[in-house]
Amino acid sequence: MLPPVSVAVAQACATLVGAALVHRAAQQPAASPIVALAVVALLCAFGLEVARRRLCEAIGWHEVAQVRAGLFRRILRADPSQIARQRHGALLQVFVGDLSARRQWLSDGLPRAATAPILVAALLAWAAAQSPWLCARIATLLLLGMAAGAALLGPMSRAVREVRRTRGRLSAFASDTIAEMADGAVPPRQRARLRRLRRRSDALNRAALRRAWWTGTLRGLPHLLTSLIVLVVLLDGGAISGTVVVIGTAGLALNDLARAAELWISARISALRIRRLMRLPKAPPQPDSLVLVDLAEPRHRFRPANRQDCA
């Protein structure tokens, strides 16, 4: 995680330099070379963001590949009777859904959580350079917003669990029906099965919409905080030209924190399911292949009696 953090530090520095140049350019003619330098600094920040995303994706895919291989080895060495008790849909959900949640956290959530505070610190540093009182008010707004976001994590976690539980039931129902069809049997009471499918789909939709309320509230906090910070800066009468650039970057950082919290909840629940699968008991050791050895005494070869013996 060190390379993405280093890139984020460079991105914050490029943003501060760009903001300072924009502030200087606002006080000079439009043909000033400072405008070109400001554009170059902002383009550098853009390029660093692209590089950070590339590094984070590489980290996530590499880690998930190792976890996937470990899960596959565990299933190959597990007791077949234990595997038979598991629903195939649930096992596939671990390989598809849970690993995807883990990859999204490692590729997107964790880097956001690690780099967003750096960009927020850049905002506070810029505000402190303008006015310590302005910095204190912005910091108070940020703390209140983060406290409100932390209070939303509990209800949101319960909503995510409900969605996953309902989706798992729906997947298991569909998997069992498909397995019966694959065996050549026509499932009885098809209308009843369609009604059950409709009820479970409706339950999943309701759970997803309840989760959307909490997710929307969490994702809406950064927009509210950014607007309040702009209002505080306007009321303070500070330098608007450069501060707008910094506030815009800080708004993206706050949005990153909200997105990281959302991905962390799903990844934490997925980690529990992955650990549960990794605890499957191993198959009992198979006895060594036996070599059948005939220990009976060899039969005496029949030798025709001599004529003298017969006499």
C-alpha atoms as a PDB file:
ATOM      1  CA  MET A   1       0.000   0.000   0.000  1.00  0.00           C
ATOM      2  CA  LEU A   2       3.041   2.286   0.175  1.00  0.00           C
ATOM      3  CA  PRO A   3       3.160   3.114  -3.585  1.00  0.00           C
ATOM      4  CA  PRO A   4      -0.474   4.360  -3.715  1.00  0.00           C
ATOM      5  CA  VAL A   5       0.078   6.448  -0.585  1.00  0.00           C
ATOM      6  CA  SER A   6       3.228   7.946  -2.094  1.00  0.00           C
ATOM      7  CA  VAL A   7       1.317   8.788  -5.250  1.00  0.00           C
ATOM      8  CA  ALA A   8      -1.436  10.374  -3.143  1.00  0.00           C
ATOM      9  CA  VAL A   9       1.125  12.552  -1.364  1.00  0.00           C
ATOM     10  CA  ALA A  10       2.481  13.688  -4.729  1.00  0.00           C
ATOM     11  CA  GLN A  11      -1.081  14.307  -5.911  1.00  0.00           C
ATOM     12  CA  ALA A  12      -1.806  16.475  -2.866  1.00  0.00           C
ATOM     13  CA  CYS A  13       1.374  18.461  -3.483  1.00  0.00           C
ATOM     14  CA  ALA A  14       0.461  18.947  -7.143  1.00  0.00           C
ATOM     15  CA  THR A  15      -3.006  20.106  -6.103  1.00  0.00           C
ATOM     16  CA  LEU A  16      -1.596  22.652  -3.649  1.00  0.00           C
ATOM     17  CA  VAL A  17       0.869  23.927  -6.250  1.00  0.00           C
ATOM     18  CA  GLY A  18      -1.918  24.180  -8.810  1.00  0.00           C
ATOM     19  CA  ALA A  19      -4.132  26.040  -6.341  1.00  0.00           C
ATOM     20  CA  ALA A  20      -1.344  28.500  -5.547  1.00  0.00           C
ATOM     21  CA  LEU A  21      -0.683  29.089  -9.237  1.00  0.00           C
ATOM     22  CA  VAL A  22      -4.390  29.564  -9.937  1.00  0.00           C
ATOM     23  CA  HIS A  23      -4.516  32.119  -7.127  1.00  0.00           C
ATOM     24  CA  ARG A  24      -1.543  33.963  -8.618  1.00  0.00           C
ATOM     25  CA  ALA A  25      -2.951  33.745 -12.137  1.00  0.00           C
ATOM     26  CA  ALA A  26      -6.211  35.344 -11.008  1.00  0.00           C
ATOM     27  CA  GLN A  27      -4.259  38.464 -10.064  1.00  0.00           C
ATOM     28  CA  GLN A  28      -2.350  38.725 -13.358  1.00  0.00           C
ATOM     29  CA  PRO A  29      -3.231  39.044 -17.068  1.00  0.00           C
ATOM     30  CA  ALA A  30      -4.636  36.001 -18.845  1.00  0.00           C
ATOM     31  CA  ALA A  31      -1.527  35.703 -21.018  1.00  0.00           C
ATOM     32  CA  SER A  32       0.695  35.194 -17.994  1.00  0.00           C
ATOM     33  CA  PRO A  33       2.894  32.059 -18.060  1.00  0.00           C
ATOM     34  CA  ILE A  34       1.611  31.262 -14.583  1.00  0.00           C
ATOM     35  CA  VAL A  35      -1.643  30.128 -16.195  1.00  0.00           C
ATOM     36  CA  ALA A  36       0.256  27.545 -18.248  1.00  0.00           C
ATOM     37  CA  LEU A  37       2.114  26.387 -15.141  1.00  0.00           C
ATOM     38  CA  ALA A  38      -1.170  26.026 -13.270  1.00  0.00           C
ATOM     39  CA  VAL A  39      -2.577  23.892 -16.085  1.00  0.00           C
ATOM     40  CA  VAL A  40       0.557  21.717 -16.035  1.00  0.00           C
ATOM     41  CA  ALA A  41       0.261  21.239 -12.267  1.00  0.00           C
ATOM     42  CA  LEU A  42      -3.383  20.222 -12.541  1.00  0.00           C
ATOM     43  CA  LEU A  43      -2.553  17.830 -15.391  1.00  0.00           C
ATOM     44  CA  CYS A  44       0.119  16.281 -13.172  1.00  0.00           C
ATOM     45  CA  ALA A  45      -2.518  15.756 -10.480  1.00  0.00           C
ATOM     46  CA  PHE A  46      -4.713  14.076 -13.102  1.00  0.00           C
ATOM     47  CA  GLY A  47      -1.886  11.779 -14.224  1.00  0.00           C
ATOM     48  CA  LEU A  48      -1.103  10.855 -10.624  1.00  0.00           C
ATOM     49  CA  GLU A  49      -4.744   9.921 -10.067  1.00  0.00           C
ATOM     50  CA  VAL A  50      -4.598   7.587 -13.079  1.00  0.00           C
ATOM     51  CA  ALA A  51      -1.380   6.019 -11.767  1.00  0.00           C
ATOM     52  CA  ARG A  52      -2.896   5.558  -8.308  1.00  0.00           C
ATOM     53  CA  ARG A  53      -5.903   3.751  -9.726  1.00  0.00           C
ATOM     54  CA  ARG A  54      -3.640   1.459 -11.766  1.00  0.00           C
ATOM     55  CA  LEU A  55      -1.512   0.579  -8.734  1.00  0.00           C
ATOM     56  CA  CYS A  56      -4.547  -0.089  -6.571  1.00  0.00           C
ATOM     57  CA  GLU A  57      -6.152  -2.369  -9.140  1.00  0.00           C
ATOM     58  CA  ALA A  58      -2.951  -4.397  -9.400  1.00  0.00           C
ATOM     59  CA  ILE A  59      -2.835  -4.827  -5.616  1.00  0.00           C
ATOM     60  CA  GLY A  60      -6.456  -5.972  -5.445  1.00  0.00           C
ATOM     61  CA  TRP A  61      -6.292  -8.485  -8.287  1.00  0.00           C
ATOM     62  CA  HIS A  62      -3.032  -9.996  -7.027  1.00  0.00           C
ATOM     63  CA  GLU A  63      -4.360 -10.457  -3.500  1.00  0.00           C
ATOM     64  CA  VAL A  64      -7.653 -11.957  -4.650  1.00  0.00           C
ATOM     65  CA  ALA A  65      -5.837 -14.419  -6.923  1.00  0.00           C
ATOM     66  CA  GLN A  66      -3.960 -15.749  -3.897  1.00  0.00           C
ATOM     67  CA  VAL A  67      -7.137 -16.029  -1.817  1.00  0.00           C
ATOM     68  CA  ARG A  68      -8.931 -17.785  -4.681  1.00  0.00           C
ATOM     69  CA  ALA A  69      -6.122 -20.327  -4.978  1.00  0.00           C
ATOM     70  CA  GLY A  70      -6.230 -20.955  -1.220  1.00  0.00           C
ATOM     71  CA  LEU A  71      -9.986 -21.506  -1.302  1.00  0.00           C
ATOM     72  CA  PHE A  72      -9.693 -23.900  -4.213  1.00  0.00           C
ATOM     73  CA  ARG A  73      -6.995 -25.918  -2.432  1.00  0.00           C
ATOM     74  CA  ARG A  74      -9.160 -26.100   0.680  1.00  0.00           C
ATOM     75  CA  ILE A  75     -12.139 -27.402  -1.305  1.00  0.00           C
ATOM     76  CA  LEU A  76      -9.997 -30.002  -3.073  1.00  0.00           C
ATOM     77  CA  ARG A  77      -8.689 -31.276   0.269  1.00  0.00           C
ATOM     78  CA  ALA A  78     -11.978 -31.007   2.161  1.00  0.00           C
ATOM     79  CA  ASP A  79     -14.075 -33.917   3.325  1.00  0.00           C
ATOM     80  CA  PRO A  80     -16.459 -34.827   0.467  1.00  0.00           C
ATOM     81  CA  SER A  81     -19.282 -35.355   2.951  1.00  0.00           C
ATOM     82  CA  GLN A  82     -18.878 -31.771   4.155  1.00  0.00           C
ATOM     83  CA  ILE A  83     -18.873 -30.472   0.590  1.00  0.00           C
ATOM     84  CA  ALA A  84     -22.052 -32.452  -0.120  1.00  0.00           C
ATOM     85  CA  ARG A  85     -23.802 -30.672   2.760  1.00  0.00           C
ATOM     86  CA  GLN A  86     -22.997 -27.260   1.294  1.00  0.00           C
ATOM     87  CA  ARG A  87     -25.257 -25.694  -1.276  1.00  0.00           C
ATOM     88  CA  HIS A  88     -23.445 -25.315  -4.555  1.00  0.00           C
ATOM     89  CA  GLY A  89     -24.937 -21.860  -4.970  1.00  0.00           C
ATOM     90  CA  ALA A  90     -23.465 -20.782  -1.630  1.00  0.00           C
ATOM     91  CA  LEU A  91     -20.034 -22.104  -2.600  1.00  0.00           C
ATOM     92  CA  LEU A  92     -20.160 -20.296  -5.918  1.00  0.00           C
ATOM     93  CA  GLN A  93     -21.265 -17.129  -4.130  1.00  0.00           C
ATOM     94  CA  VAL A  94     -18.024 -17.183  -2.146  1.00  0.00           C
ATOM     95  CA  PHE A  95     -15.952 -17.504  -5.326  1.00  0.00           C
ATOM     96  CA  VAL A  96     -17.901 -14.843  -7.202  1.00  0.00           C
ATOM     97  CA  GLY A  97     -19.571 -12.379  -4.855  1.00  0.00           C
ATOM     98  CA  ASP A  98     -17.345 -12.526  -1.785  1.00  0.00           C
ATOM     99  CA  LEU A  99     -14.087 -12.441  -3.705  1.00  0.00           C
ATOM    100  CA  SER A 100     -15.403  -9.528  -5.763  1.00  0.00           C
ATOM    101  CA  ALA A 101     -16.243  -7.639  -2.571  1.00  0.00           C
ATOM    102  CA  ARG A 102     -12.761  -8.324  -1.249  1.00  0.00           C
ATOM    103  CA  ARG A 103     -11.175  -7.168  -4.508  1.00  0.00           C
ATOM    104  CA  GLN A 104     -13.212  -3.975  -4.541  1.00  0.00           C
ATOM    105  CA  TRP A 105     -12.121  -3.209  -1.001  1.00  0.00           C
ATOM    106  CA  LEU A 106      -8.447  -3.833  -1.747  1.00  0.00           C
ATOM    107  CA  SER A 107      -8.476  -2.119  -5.148  1.00  0.00           C
ATOM    108  CA  ASP A 108     -10.801   0.751  -4.366  1.00  0.00           C
ATOM    109  CA  GLY A 109     -11.852   1.042  -0.729  1.00  0.00           C
ATOM    110  CA  LEU A 110      -8.565   0.636   1.115  1.00  0.00           C
ATOM    111  CA  PRO A 111      -6.604   3.004  -1.174  1.00  0.00           C
ATOM    112  CA  ARG A 112      -9.375   5.576  -0.840  1.00  0.00           C
ATOM    113  CA  ALA A 113      -9.297   5.265   2.942  1.00  0.00           C
ATOM    114  CA  ALA A 114      -5.497   5.547   2.965  1.00  0.00           C
ATOM    115  CA  THR A 115      -5.164   8.480   0.586  1.00  0.00           C
ATOM    116  CA  ALA A 116      -8.252  10.580   1.353  1.00  0.00           C
ATOM    117  CA  PRO A 117      -6.896  11.864   4.698  1.00  0.00           C
ATOM    118  CA  ILE A 118      -3.846  13.176   2.837  1.00  0.00           C
ATOM    119  CA  LEU A 119      -6.016  15.267   0.536  1.00  0.00           C
ATOM    120  CA  VAL A 120      -8.124  16.464   3.477  1.00  0.00           C
ATOM    121  CA  ALA A 121      -4.912  17.475   5.245  1.00  0.00           C
ATOM    122  CA  ALA A 122      -3.996  19.476   2.147  1.00  0.00           C
ATOM    123  CA  LEU A 123      -7.308  21.338   2.468  1.00  0.00           C
ATOM    124  CA  LEU A 124      -6.644  22.113   6.128  1.00  0.00           C
ATOM    125  CA  ALA A 125      -3.097  23.239   5.344  1.00  0.00           C
ATOM    126  CA  TRP A 126      -4.396  25.609   2.684  1.00  0.00           C
ATOM    127  CA  ALA A 127      -7.069  26.931   5.061  1.00  0.00           C
ATOM    128  CA  ALA A 128      -4.492  27.427   7.818  1.00  0.00           C
ATOM    129  CA  ALA A 129      -2.342  29.423   5.414  1.00  0.00           C
ATOM    130  CA  GLN A 130      -5.341  31.656   4.706  1.00  0.00           C
ATOM    131  CA  SER A 131      -6.618  31.993   8.258  1.00  0.00           C
ATOM    132  CA  PRO A 132      -6.281  29.841  11.414  1.00  0.00           C
ATOM    133  CA  TRP A 133      -9.888  30.676  12.295  1.00  0.00           C
ATOM    134  CA  LEU A 134     -11.012  29.449   8.874  1.00  0.00           C
ATOM    135  CA  CYS A 135      -9.041  26.234   9.359  1.00  0.00           C
ATOM    136  CA  ALA A 136     -10.684  25.652  12.749  1.00  0.00           C
ATOM    137  CA  ARG A 137     -14.192  26.049  11.340  1.00  0.00           C
ATOM    138  CA  ILE A 138     -13.486  23.745   8.398  1.00  0.00           C
ATOM    139  CA  ALA A 139     -11.968  21.151  10.734  1.00  0.00           C
ATOM    140  CA  THR A 140     -15.080  21.320  12.931  1.00  0.00           C
ATOM    141  CA  LEU A 141     -17.308  20.695   9.927  1.00  0.00           C
ATOM    142  CA  LEU A 142     -15.165  17.749   8.867  1.00  0.00           C
ATOM    143  CA  LEU A 143     -15.265  16.178  12.333  1.00  0.00           C
ATOM    144  CA  LEU A 144     -19.043  16.555  12.546  1.00  0.00           C
ATOM    145  CA  GLY A 145     -19.452  15.010   9.107  1.00  0.00           C
ATOM    146  CA  MET A 146     -17.178  12.072   9.926  1.00  0.00           C
ATOM    147  CA  ALA A 147     -19.032  11.471  13.200  1.00  0.00           C
ATOM    148  CA  ALA A 148     -22.343  11.417  11.323  1.00  0.00           C
ATOM    149  CA  GLY A 149     -20.892   8.981   8.792  1.00  0.00           C
ATOM    150  CA  ALA A 150     -19.599   6.699  11.547  1.00  0.00           C
ATOM    151  CA  ALA A 151     -23.066   6.672  13.129  1.00  0.00           C
ATOM    152  CA  LEU A 152     -24.505   5.390   9.847  1.00  0.00           C
ATOM    153  CA  LEU A 153     -22.177   2.389   9.653  1.00  0.00           C
ATOM    154  CA  GLY A 154     -24.156   0.244  12.119  1.00  0.00           C
ATOM    155  CA  PRO A 155     -27.570   0.474  10.403  1.00  0.00           C
ATOM    156  CA  MET A 156     -25.925   0.216   7.014  1.00  0.00           C
ATOM    157  CA  SER A 157     -24.086  -2.965   8.035  1.00  0.00           C
ATOM    158  CA  ARG A 158     -27.364  -4.571   9.112  1.00  0.00           C
ATOM    159  CA  ALA A 159     -28.964  -3.548   5.820  1.00  0.00           C
ATOM    160  CA  VAL A 160     -26.087  -5.078   3.842  1.00  0.00           C
ATOM    161  CA  ARG A 161     -26.385  -8.334   5.807  1.00  0.00           C
ATOM    162  CA  GLU A 162     -30.092  -8.471   5.084  1.00  0.00           C
ATOM    163  CA  VAL A 163     -29.501  -7.970   1.366  1.00  0.00           C
ATOM    164  CA  ARG A 164     -26.861 -10.699   1.255  1.00  0.00           C
ATOM    165  CA  ARG A 165     -29.039 -13.095   3.241  1.00  0.00           C
ATOM    166  CA  THR A 166     -32.047 -12.520   0.988  1.00  0.00           C
ATOM    167  CA  ARG A 167     -29.937 -12.766  -2.151  1.00  0.00           C
ATOM    168  CA  GLY A 168     -28.395 -16.011  -0.886  1.00  0.00           C
ATOM    169  CA  ARG A 169     -31.825 -17.548  -0.382  1.00  0.00           C
ATOM    170  CA  LEU A 170     -32.864 -16.519  -3.863  1.00  0.00           C
ATOM    171  CA  SER A 171     -29.657 -17.923  -5.373  1.00  0.00           C
ATOM    172  CA  ALA A 172     -30.045 -21.201  -3.471  1.00  0.00           C
ATOM    173  CA  PHE A 173     -33.638 -21.561  -4.652  1.00  0.00           C
ATOM    174  CA  ALA A 174     -32.643 -20.969  -8.272  1.00  0.00           C
ATOM    175  CA  SER A 175     -29.634 -23.293  -7.958  1.00  0.00           C
ATOM    176  CA  ASP A 176     -31.747 -26.147  -6.566  1.00  0.00           C
ATOM    177  CA  THR A 177     -34.309 -25.750  -9.328  1.00  0.00           C
ATOM    178  CA  ILE A 178     -31.630 -25.771 -12.018  1.00  0.00           C
ATOM    179  CA  ALA A 179     -30.038 -28.871 -10.455  1.00  0.00           C
ATOM    180  CA  GLU A 180     -33.361 -30.698 -10.602  1.00  0.00           C
ATOM    181  CA  MET A 181     -33.778 -29.758 -14.247  1.00  0.00           C
ATOM    182  CA  ALA A 182     -30.237 -30.944 -15.008  1.00  0.00           C
ATOM    183  CA  ASP A 183     -31.085 -34.346 -13.530  1.00  0.00           C
ATOM    184  CA  GLY A 184     -33.913 -34.687 -16.029  1.00  0.00           C
ATOM    185  CA  ALA A 185     -36.709 -34.314 -13.508  1.00  0.00           C
ATOM    186  CA  VAL A 186     -39.560 -31.900 -14.151  1.00  0.00           C
ATOM    187  CA  PRO A 187     -40.024 -29.797 -10.991  1.00  0.00           C
ATOM    188  CA  PRO A 188     -43.538 -30.229  -9.617  1.00  0.00           C
ATOM    189  CA  ARG A 189     -45.860 -27.289  -8.915  1.00  0.00           C
ATOM    190  CA  GLN A 190     -44.203 -24.899 -11.301  1.00  0.00           C
ATOM    191  CA  ARG A 191     -46.695 -22.133 -10.573  1.00  0.00           C
ATOM    192  CA  ALA A 192     -45.960 -22.410  -6.873  1.00  0.00           C
ATOM    193  CA  ARG A 193     -42.247 -22.168  -7.605  1.00  0.00           C
ATOM    194  CA  LEU A 194     -42.812 -19.067  -9.694  1.00  0.00           C
ATOM    195  CA  ARG A 195     -44.753 -17.502  -6.823  1.00  0.00           C
ATOM    196  CA  ARG A 196     -41.918 -18.329  -4.429  1.00  0.00           C
ATOM    197  CA  LEU A 197     -39.438 -16.802  -6.848  1.00  0.00           C
ATOM    198  CA  ARG A 198     -41.556 -13.663  -7.106  1.00  0.00           C
ATOM    199  CA  ARG A 199     -41.846 -13.370  -3.314  1.00  0.00           C
ATOM    200  CA  ARG A 200     -38.109 -13.770  -2.830  1.00  0.00           C
ATOM    201  CA  SER A 201     -37.355 -11.296  -5.600  1.00  0.00           C
ATOM    202  CA  ASP A 202     -39.674  -8.761  -3.984  1.00  0.00           C
ATOM    203  CA  ALA A 203     -38.000  -9.335  -0.619  1.00  0.00           C
ATOM    204  CA  LEU A 204     -34.595  -8.770  -2.218  1.00  0.00           C
ATOM    205  CA  ASN A 205     -35.792  -5.560  -3.852  1.00  0.00           C
ATOM    206  CA  ARG A 206     -37.169  -4.247  -0.556  1.00  0.00           C
ATOM    207  CA  ALA A 207     -33.941  -5.059   1.261  1.00  0.00           C
ATOM    208  CA  ALA A 208     -31.871  -3.412  -1.469  1.00  0.00           C
ATOM    209  CA  LEU A 209     -33.996  -0.261  -1.338  1.00  0.00           C
ATOM    210  CA  ARG A 210     -33.643  -0.083   2.447  1.00  0.00           C
ATOM    211  CA  ARG A 211     -29.903  -0.353   2.008  1.00  0.00           C
ATOM    212  CA  ALA A 212     -30.051   2.385  -0.631  1.00  0.00           C
ATOM    213  CA  TRP A 213     -31.445   4.826   1.947  1.00  0.00           C
ATOM    214  CA  TRP A 214     -28.409   4.372   4.173  1.00  0.00           C
ATOM    215  CA  THR A 215     -25.981   4.297   1.255  1.00  0.00           C
ATOM    216  CA  GLY A 216     -27.467   7.449  -0.223  1.00  0.00           C
ATOM    217  CA  THR A 217     -27.248   9.235   3.113  1.00  0.00           C
ATOM    218  CA  LEU A 218     -23.626   8.218   3.531  1.00  0.00           C
ATOM    219  CA  ARG A 219     -22.710   9.222  -0.015  1.00  0.00           C
ATOM    220  CA  GLY A 220     -24.615  12.497   0.312  1.00  0.00           C
ATOM    221  CA  LEU A 221     -22.634  13.674   3.328  1.00  0.00           C
ATOM    222  CA  PRO A 222     -19.556  14.694   1.264  1.00  0.00           C
ATOM    223  CA  HIS A 223     -21.695  16.907  -0.972  1.00  0.00           C
ATOM    224  CA  LEU A 224     -23.231  18.584   2.074  1.00  0.00           C
ATOM    225  CA  LEU A 225     -19.844  19.100   3.712  1.00  0.00           C
ATOM    226  CA  THR A 226     -18.311  20.505   0.529  1.00  0.00           C
ATOM    227  CA  SER A 227     -21.159  22.995   0.155  1.00  0.00           C
ATOM    228  CA  LEU A 228     -20.829  24.056   3.793  1.00  0.00           C
ATOM    229  CA  ILE A 229     -17.068  24.508   3.420  1.00  0.00           C
ATOM    230  CA  VAL A 230     -17.602  26.715   0.367  1.00  0.00           C
ATOM    231  CA  LEU A 231     -20.147  28.742   2.360  1.00  0.00           C
ATOM    232  CA  VAL A 232     -17.705  29.147   5.256  1.00  0.00           C
ATOM    233  CA  VAL A 233     -14.967  30.318   2.885  1.00  0.00           C
ATOM    234  CA  LEU A 234     -17.320  32.820   1.239  1.00  0.00           C
ATOM    235  CA  LEU A 235     -18.423  34.195   4.599  1.00  0.00           C
ATOM    236  CA  ASP A 236     -14.809  34.450   5.706  1.00  0.00           C
ATOM    237  CA  GLY A 237     -13.927  36.452   2.604  1.00  0.00           C
ATOM    238  CA  GLY A 238     -10.815  34.425   1.864  1.00  0.00           C
ATOM    239  CA  ALA A 239      -9.015  33.953  -1.434  1.00  0.00           C
ATOM    240  CA  ILE A 240     -11.600  32.153  -3.550  1.00  0.00           C
ATOM    241  CA  SER A 241      -9.625  31.507  -6.723  1.00  0.00           C
ATOM    242  CA  GLY A 242      -7.157  28.997  -5.307  1.00  0.00           C
ATOM    243  CA  THR A 243      -9.423  27.732  -2.542  1.00  0.00           C
ATOM    244  CA  VAL A 244     -11.988  26.485  -5.053  1.00  0.00           C
ATOM    245  CA  VAL A 245      -9.413  24.063  -6.473  1.00  0.00           C
ATOM    246  CA  VAL A 246      -8.487  22.777  -3.014  1.00  0.00           C
ATOM    247  CA  ILE A 247     -12.108  22.465  -1.896  1.00  0.00           C
ATOM    248  CA  GLY A 248     -12.980  20.548  -5.055  1.00  0.00           C
ATOM    249  CA  THR A 249     -10.166  18.075  -4.408  1.00  0.00           C
ATOM    250  CA  ALA A 250     -11.139  17.783  -0.745  1.00  0.00           C
ATOM    251  CA  GLY A 251     -14.731  17.105  -1.786  1.00  0.00           C
ATOM    252  CA  LEU A 252     -13.514  14.184  -3.868  1.00  0.00           C
ATOM    253  CA  ALA A 253     -11.516  12.971  -0.862  1.00  0.00           C
ATOM    254  CA  LEU A 254     -14.596  13.079   1.371  1.00  0.00           C
ATOM    255  CA  ASN A 255     -16.506  11.137  -1.257  1.00  0.00           C
ATOM    256  CA  ASP A 256     -13.648   8.618  -1.243  1.00  0.00           C
ATOM    257  CA  LEU A 257     -14.038   8.173   2.520  1.00  0.00           C
ATOM    258  CA  ALA A 258     -17.766   7.500   2.148  1.00  0.00           C
ATOM    259  CA  ARG A 259     -17.150   5.009  -0.641  1.00  0.00           C
ATOM    260  CA  ALA A 260     -14.403   3.313   1.390  1.00  0.00           C
ATOM    261  CA  ALA A 261     -16.773   2.871   4.336  1.00  0.00           C
ATOM    262  CA  GLU A 262     -19.386   1.349   2.044  1.00  0.00           C
ATOM    263  CA  LEU A 263     -16.901  -1.124   0.558  1.00  0.00           C
ATOM    264  CA  TRP A 264     -15.458  -1.954   3.983  1.00  0.00           C
ATOM    265  CA  ILE A 265     -18.821  -3.179   5.261  1.00  0.00           C
ATOM    266  CA  SER A 266     -19.267  -5.579   2.334  1.00  0.00           C
ATOM    267  CA  ALA A 267     -15.654  -6.748   2.552  1.00  0.00           C
ATOM    268  CA  ARG A 268     -15.938  -7.432   6.294  1.00  0.00           C
ATOM    269  CA  ILE A 269     -19.022  -9.595   5.799  1.00  0.00           C
ATOM    270  CA  SER A 270     -17.359 -11.387   2.871  1.00  0.00           C
ATOM    271  CA  ALA A 271     -14.256 -12.064   4.961  1.00  0.00           C
ATOM    272  CA  LEU A 272     -16.396 -13.917   7.510  1.00  0.00           C
ATOM    273  CA  ARG A 273     -17.831 -16.142   4.778  1.00  0.00           C
ATOM    274  CA  ILE A 274     -14.393 -16.809   3.325  1.00  0.00           C
ATOM    275  CA  ARG A 275     -12.996 -17.771   6.739  1.00  0.00           C
ATOM    276  CA  ARG A 276     -15.973 -20.064   7.307  1.00  0.00           C
ATOM    277  CA  LEU A 277     -15.212 -21.882   4.070  1.00  0.00           C
ATOM    278  CA  MET A 278     -11.524 -22.121   4.941  1.00  0.00           C
ATOM    279  CA  ARG A 279     -12.487 -23.928   8.165  1.00  0.00           C
ATOM    280  CA  LEU A 280     -14.012 -26.879   6.330  1.00  0.00           C
ATOM    281  CA  PRO A 281     -12.564 -30.081   7.803  1.00  0.00           C
ATOM    282  CA  LYS A 282     -10.054 -31.886   5.690  1.00  0.00           C
ATOM    283  CA  ALA A 283     -10.720 -35.291   4.236  1.00  0.00           C
ATOM    284  CA  PRO A 284      -9.448 -38.192   6.352  1.00  0.00           C
ATOM    285  CA  PRO A 285      -6.110 -39.513   5.173  1.00  0.00           C
ATOM    286  CA  GLN A 286      -6.492 -42.277   2.669  1.00  0.00           C
ATOM    287  CA  PRO A 287      -4.656 -45.533   3.443  1.00  0.00           C
ATOM    288  CA  ASP A 288      -1.674 -46.289   1.315  1.00  0.00           C
ATOM    289  CA  SER A 289      -2.406 -48.374  -1.722  1.00  0.00           C
ATOM    290  CA  LEU A 290      -2.204 -52.006  -0.740  1.00  0.00           C
ATOM    291  CA  VAL A 291      -0.168 -54.485  -2.774  1.00  0.00           C
ATOM    292  CA  LEU A 292      -1.671 -57.935  -2.745  1.00  0.00           C
ATOM    293  CA  VAL A 293       0.994 -60.493  -2.080  1.00  0.00           C
ATOM    294  CA  ASP A 294       0.315 -64.227  -2.246  1.00  0.00           C
ATOM    295  CA  LEU A 295       1.868 -65.540   0.950  1.00  0.00           C
ATOM    296  CA  ALA A 296       0.734 -69.102   0.412  1.00  0.00           C
ATOM    297  CA  GLU A 297       3.424 -71.689  -0.094  1.00  0.00           C
ATOM    298  CA  PRO A 298       4.009 -72.429  -3.736  1.00  0.00           C
ATOM    299  CA  ARG A 299       2.505 -75.651  -4.852  1.00  0.00           C
ATOM    300  CA  HIS A 300       4.853 -78.500  -5.545  1.00  0.00           C
ATOM    301  CA  ARG A 301       5.260 -79.103  -9.176  1.00  0.00           C
ATOM    302  CA  PHE A 302       3.874 -82.403 -10.357  1.00  0.00           C
ATOM    303  CA  ARG A 303       6.651 -84.678 -11.330  1.00  0.00           C
ATOM    304  CA  PRO A 304       5.825 -87.903 -13.034  1.00  0.00           C
ATOM    305  CA  ALA A 305       6.864 -90.865 -10.932  1.00  0.00           C
ATOM    306  CA  ASN A 306       9.827 -92.874 -12.034  1.00  0.00           C
ATOM    307  CA  ARG A 307       9.308 -96.369 -13.185  1.00  0.00           C
ATOM    308  CA  GLN A 308      11.341 -97.569 -10.246  1.00  0.00           C
ATOM    309  CA  ASP A 309       9.021 -95.827  -7.840  1.00  0.00           C
ATOM    310  CA  CYS A 310       6.024 -97.353  -9.495  1.00  0.00           C
ATOM    311  CA  ALA A 311       7.481-100.790  -9.281  1.00  0.00           C
END
